[in-house]
Structure formats: C-alpha cells, structure tokens
Amino acid sequence: MGLVNQVASAENLLTVAGEWAKSLAEGGPKALATTKELLGRCSRQSMGVDDLAKASAEPRLTDECRHGLTAFFDKKPAPWIPEAR
C-alpha cells in the first residue's frame, strides 16, 4: 500500500516525523479526510477494488483539488494553509 516511505535513524526520527507531519498538514483537508476513511475501509477489506478506485478518484473532481492544483502550478501555497490566507 506504500505506507512506509522512509526509514529514519533514531537521531533523525523527530526531524523526519516533523517533515512528514508538515507535508500532511499542507494537504487538502477534505482529501485527507477521504484518504483516512478509505484506509479504514480498506483495512477491513469491506470495499472492492473498483469501489476503492472510484472513491479515491472522486476527490480529484472537487473545487478543493482545482484550487490546490492552481496553487501548485502558480507556485503559491494552497488556500487552506494558514500562511496563505
């Protein structure tokens, strides 16, 4: 599932964790909530692959996604990041 993305030494663990936390905090709030929900459903194996793929794609059709992509391509912070307001 790609849940392990990096291994850190004990000395660098808090720094690496902080970087990952910052990256997650900068994600779209609705997209993150949907991802969390899908991971919960997937872990209980109550969802078929087709349904999981459809549910995963739906957030990409939202205004949040469009605003996030616009900010990315304009090299600006996403509108939901506090410093961007």
N, C-alpha and C. Protein backbone atom coordinates (compact mmCIF):
# COMPACT_ATOMS: atom_id res chain seq x y z
N MET A 1 0.82 -1.20 0.00
CA MET A 1 0.00 0.00 0.00
C MET A 1 0.85 1.25 0.00
N GLY A 2 2.16 1.13 0.16
CA GLY A 2 3.01 2.32 0.14
C GLY A 2 2.97 3.12 1.43
N LEU A 3 2.66 2.46 2.54
CA LEU A 3 2.57 3.20 3.80
C LEU A 3 3.93 3.48 4.42
N VAL A 4 4.97 2.74 4.03
CA VAL A 4 6.31 3.02 4.52
C VAL A 4 7.04 3.74 3.40
N ASN A 5 7.36 5.00 3.66
CA ASN A 5 8.00 5.82 2.64
C ASN A 5 9.44 6.17 2.99
N GLN A 6 9.79 6.01 4.25
CA GLN A 6 11.12 6.41 4.66
C GLN A 6 11.49 5.72 5.96
N VAL A 7 12.76 5.39 6.11
CA VAL A 7 13.29 4.85 7.35
C VAL A 7 14.26 5.88 7.89
N ALA A 8 14.14 6.18 9.18
CA ALA A 8 14.99 7.20 9.78
C ALA A 8 15.76 6.62 10.96
N SER A 9 16.95 7.13 11.17
CA SER A 9 17.72 6.72 12.34
C SER A 9 17.09 7.34 13.58
N ALA A 10 17.42 6.79 14.73
CA ALA A 10 16.88 7.30 15.99
C ALA A 10 17.21 8.78 16.16
N GLU A 11 18.39 9.18 15.72
CA GLU A 11 18.81 10.58 15.86
C GLU A 11 17.98 11.53 14.99
N ASN A 12 17.52 11.05 13.85
CA ASN A 12 16.78 11.90 12.91
C ASN A 12 15.27 11.68 12.96
N LEU A 13 14.81 10.80 13.82
CA LEU A 13 13.41 10.42 13.82
C LEU A 13 12.46 11.60 13.99
N LEU A 14 12.68 12.45 14.96
CA LEU A 14 11.78 13.58 15.19
C LEU A 14 11.81 14.58 14.04
N THR A 15 12.96 14.80 13.47
CA THR A 15 13.07 15.71 12.32
C THR A 15 12.28 15.17 11.14
N VAL A 16 12.49 13.90 10.83
CA VAL A 16 11.79 13.27 9.71
C VAL A 16 10.28 13.24 9.97
N ALA A 17 9.89 12.88 11.19
CA ALA A 17 8.46 12.86 11.53
C ALA A 17 7.85 14.24 11.39
N GLY A 18 8.57 15.27 11.80
CA GLY A 18 8.09 16.64 11.66
C GLY A 18 7.91 17.04 10.20
N GLU A 19 8.83 16.62 9.36
CA GLU A 19 8.72 16.91 7.92
C GLU A 19 7.50 16.24 7.32
N TRP A 20 7.26 14.97 7.70
CA TRP A 20 6.09 14.25 7.19
C TRP A 20 4.80 14.88 7.71
N ALA A 21 4.80 15.27 8.99
CA ALA A 21 3.61 15.90 9.57
C ALA A 21 3.30 17.21 8.86
N LYS A 22 4.32 18.00 8.56
CA LYS A 22 4.12 19.26 7.83
C LYS A 22 3.56 18.99 6.45
N SER A 23 4.08 17.98 5.78
CA SER A 23 3.60 17.64 4.45
C SER A 23 2.13 17.23 4.50
N LEU A 24 1.76 16.43 5.49
CA LEU A 24 0.35 16.03 5.63
C LEU A 24 -0.53 17.21 5.98
N ALA A 25 -0.05 18.10 6.84
CA ALA A 25 -0.85 19.25 7.26
C ALA A 25 -1.12 20.20 6.09
N GLU A 26 -0.27 20.17 5.08
CA GLU A 26 -0.44 21.05 3.93
C GLU A 26 -1.36 20.44 2.87
N GLY A 27 -1.81 19.21 3.08
CA GLY A 27 -2.72 18.57 2.14
C GLY A 27 -4.12 19.14 2.26
N GLY A 28 -4.92 18.93 1.24
CA GLY A 28 -6.30 19.39 1.25
C GLY A 28 -7.08 18.71 2.37
N PRO A 29 -7.76 19.46 3.21
CA PRO A 29 -8.46 18.86 4.35
C PRO A 29 -9.48 17.79 3.96
N LYS A 30 -10.27 18.04 2.94
CA LYS A 30 -11.27 17.06 2.52
C LYS A 30 -10.60 15.83 1.91
N ALA A 31 -9.56 16.05 1.13
CA ALA A 31 -8.84 14.93 0.52
C ALA A 31 -8.19 14.06 1.59
N LEU A 32 -7.63 14.69 2.62
CA LEU A 32 -7.02 13.92 3.70
C LEU A 32 -8.07 13.12 4.47
N ALA A 33 -9.23 13.72 4.71
CA ALA A 33 -10.30 13.02 5.42
C ALA A 33 -10.78 11.82 4.60
N THR A 34 -10.90 12.02 3.28
CA THR A 34 -11.33 10.92 2.41
C THR A 34 -10.29 9.80 2.40
N THR A 35 -9.03 10.17 2.35
CA THR A 35 -7.95 9.18 2.37
C THR A 35 -7.99 8.37 3.66
N LYS A 36 -8.17 9.07 4.78
CA LYS A 36 -8.25 8.38 6.07
C LYS A 36 -9.43 7.41 6.10
N GLU A 37 -10.56 7.85 5.59
CA GLU A 37 -11.74 6.99 5.55
C GLU A 37 -11.50 5.76 4.67
N LEU A 38 -10.90 5.98 3.49
CA LEU A 38 -10.63 4.88 2.58
C LEU A 38 -9.64 3.88 3.17
N LEU A 39 -8.63 4.37 3.87
CA LEU A 39 -7.67 3.47 4.50
C LEU A 39 -8.36 2.62 5.56
N GLY A 40 -9.29 3.22 6.29
CA GLY A 40 -10.05 2.46 7.28
C GLY A 40 -10.89 1.39 6.64
N ARG A 41 -11.56 1.73 5.55
CA ARG A 41 -12.39 0.74 4.85
C ARG A 41 -11.54 -0.36 4.25
N CYS A 42 -10.43 0.03 3.67
CA CYS A 42 -9.54 -0.93 3.00
C CYS A 42 -8.95 -1.90 4.03
N SER A 43 -8.63 -1.39 5.20
CA SER A 43 -8.02 -2.25 6.21
C SER A 43 -9.01 -3.31 6.71
N ARG A 44 -10.29 -3.01 6.60
CA ARG A 44 -11.30 -4.00 7.00
C ARG A 44 -11.72 -4.85 5.79
N GLN A 45 -11.14 -4.56 4.64
CA GLN A 45 -11.42 -5.28 3.40
C GLN A 45 -12.91 -5.37 3.10
N SER A 46 -13.62 -4.27 3.38
CA SER A 46 -15.05 -4.27 3.11
C SER A 46 -15.37 -3.60 1.77
N MET A 47 -14.33 -3.22 1.04
CA MET A 47 -14.51 -2.48 -0.19
C MET A 47 -13.79 -3.19 -1.33
N GLY A 48 -14.48 -3.35 -2.45
CA GLY A 48 -13.85 -3.94 -3.62
C GLY A 48 -12.88 -2.98 -4.28
N VAL A 49 -12.01 -3.50 -5.10
CA VAL A 49 -11.00 -2.67 -5.78
C VAL A 49 -11.67 -1.60 -6.65
N ASP A 50 -12.72 -1.96 -7.38
CA ASP A 50 -13.40 -0.98 -8.23
C ASP A 50 -13.99 0.15 -7.41
N ASP A 51 -14.65 -0.19 -6.30
CA ASP A 51 -15.22 0.84 -5.43
C ASP A 51 -14.14 1.71 -4.80
N LEU A 52 -13.04 1.09 -4.41
CA LEU A 52 -11.93 1.82 -3.82
C LEU A 52 -11.33 2.79 -4.83
N ALA A 53 -11.15 2.36 -6.07
CA ALA A 53 -10.61 3.22 -7.11
C ALA A 53 -11.54 4.41 -7.38
N LYS A 54 -12.84 4.14 -7.44
CA LYS A 54 -13.80 5.22 -7.68
C LYS A 54 -13.78 6.22 -6.52
N ALA A 55 -13.80 5.73 -5.29
CA ALA A 55 -13.79 6.62 -4.13
C ALA A 55 -12.49 7.41 -4.04
N SER A 56 -11.40 6.81 -4.47
CA SER A 56 -10.11 7.51 -4.47
C SER A 56 -10.07 8.60 -5.53
N ALA A 57 -10.75 8.41 -6.64
CA ALA A 57 -10.73 9.39 -7.73
C ALA A 57 -11.67 10.57 -7.48
N GLU A 58 -12.75 10.36 -6.75
CA GLU A 58 -13.76 11.40 -6.56
C GLU A 58 -13.20 12.72 -6.01
N PRO A 59 -12.28 12.71 -5.01
CA PRO A 59 -11.76 13.99 -4.51
C PRO A 59 -11.02 14.81 -5.55
N ARG A 60 -10.56 14.15 -6.60
CA ARG A 60 -9.83 14.88 -7.65
C ARG A 60 -10.77 15.71 -8.52
N LEU A 61 -12.06 15.58 -8.32
CA LEU A 61 -13.05 16.31 -9.11
C LEU A 61 -13.63 17.49 -8.34
N THR A 62 -13.08 17.81 -7.17
CA THR A 62 -13.65 18.84 -6.31
C THR A 62 -12.99 20.20 -6.53
N ASP A 63 -13.66 21.23 -6.01
CA ASP A 63 -13.08 22.58 -6.04
C ASP A 63 -11.77 22.61 -5.25
N GLU A 64 -11.73 21.87 -4.14
CA GLU A 64 -10.51 21.83 -3.33
C GLU A 64 -9.33 21.37 -4.19
N CYS A 65 -9.53 20.34 -4.97
CA CYS A 65 -8.47 19.83 -5.84
C CYS A 65 -8.06 20.87 -6.87
N ARG A 66 -9.05 21.49 -7.50
CA ARG A 66 -8.74 22.51 -8.51
C ARG A 66 -7.95 23.66 -7.91
N HIS A 67 -8.36 24.12 -6.71
CA HIS A 67 -7.64 25.22 -6.05
C HIS A 67 -6.22 24.80 -5.68
N GLY A 68 -6.09 23.56 -5.22
CA GLY A 68 -4.76 23.05 -4.87
C GLY A 68 -3.85 22.94 -6.08
N LEU A 69 -4.39 22.45 -7.18
CA LEU A 69 -3.59 22.35 -8.41
C LEU A 69 -3.20 23.72 -8.95
N THR A 70 -4.14 24.66 -8.89
CA THR A 70 -3.84 26.02 -9.35
C THR A 70 -2.71 26.60 -8.51
N ALA A 71 -2.79 26.45 -7.19
CA ALA A 71 -1.74 26.96 -6.31
C ALA A 71 -0.40 26.29 -6.62
N PHE A 72 -0.44 24.98 -6.84
CA PHE A 72 0.79 24.25 -7.16
C PHE A 72 1.43 24.78 -8.43
N PHE A 73 0.65 24.91 -9.50
CA PHE A 73 1.21 25.37 -10.77
C PHE A 73 1.60 26.84 -10.74
N ASP A 74 0.95 27.63 -9.88
CA ASP A 74 1.32 29.04 -9.72
C ASP A 74 2.45 29.21 -8.71
N LYS A 75 2.92 28.06 -8.15
CA LYS A 75 3.99 28.06 -7.15
C LYS A 75 3.64 28.92 -5.94
N LYS A 76 2.38 28.79 -5.48
CA LYS A 76 1.88 29.51 -4.31
C LYS A 76 1.38 28.47 -3.31
N PRO A 77 1.27 28.86 -2.04
CA PRO A 77 0.71 27.92 -1.06
C PRO A 77 -0.77 27.68 -1.34
N ALA A 78 -1.23 26.50 -1.00
CA ALA A 78 -2.65 26.17 -1.16
C ALA A 78 -3.48 27.08 -0.25
N PRO A 79 -4.70 27.40 -0.63
CA PRO A 79 -5.51 28.34 0.14
C PRO A 79 -5.85 27.86 1.55
N TRP A 80 -5.76 26.58 1.84
CA TRP A 80 -6.10 26.11 3.17
C TRP A 80 -4.93 26.14 4.13
N ILE A 81 -3.74 26.50 3.65
CA ILE A 81 -2.58 26.63 4.52
C ILE A 81 -2.65 27.99 5.21
N PRO A 82 -2.59 28.03 6.54
CA PRO A 82 -2.80 29.29 7.28
C PRO A 82 -1.97 30.47 6.79
N GLU A 83 -0.73 30.25 6.41
CA GLU A 83 0.12 31.35 5.94
C GLU A 83 -0.37 31.94 4.63
N ALA A 84 -1.19 31.19 3.89
CA ALA A 84 -1.63 31.63 2.56
C ALA A 84 -2.80 32.59 2.66
N ARG A 85 -3.48 32.62 3.77
CA ARG A 85 -4.68 33.47 3.89
C ARG A 85 -4.32 34.90 4.10
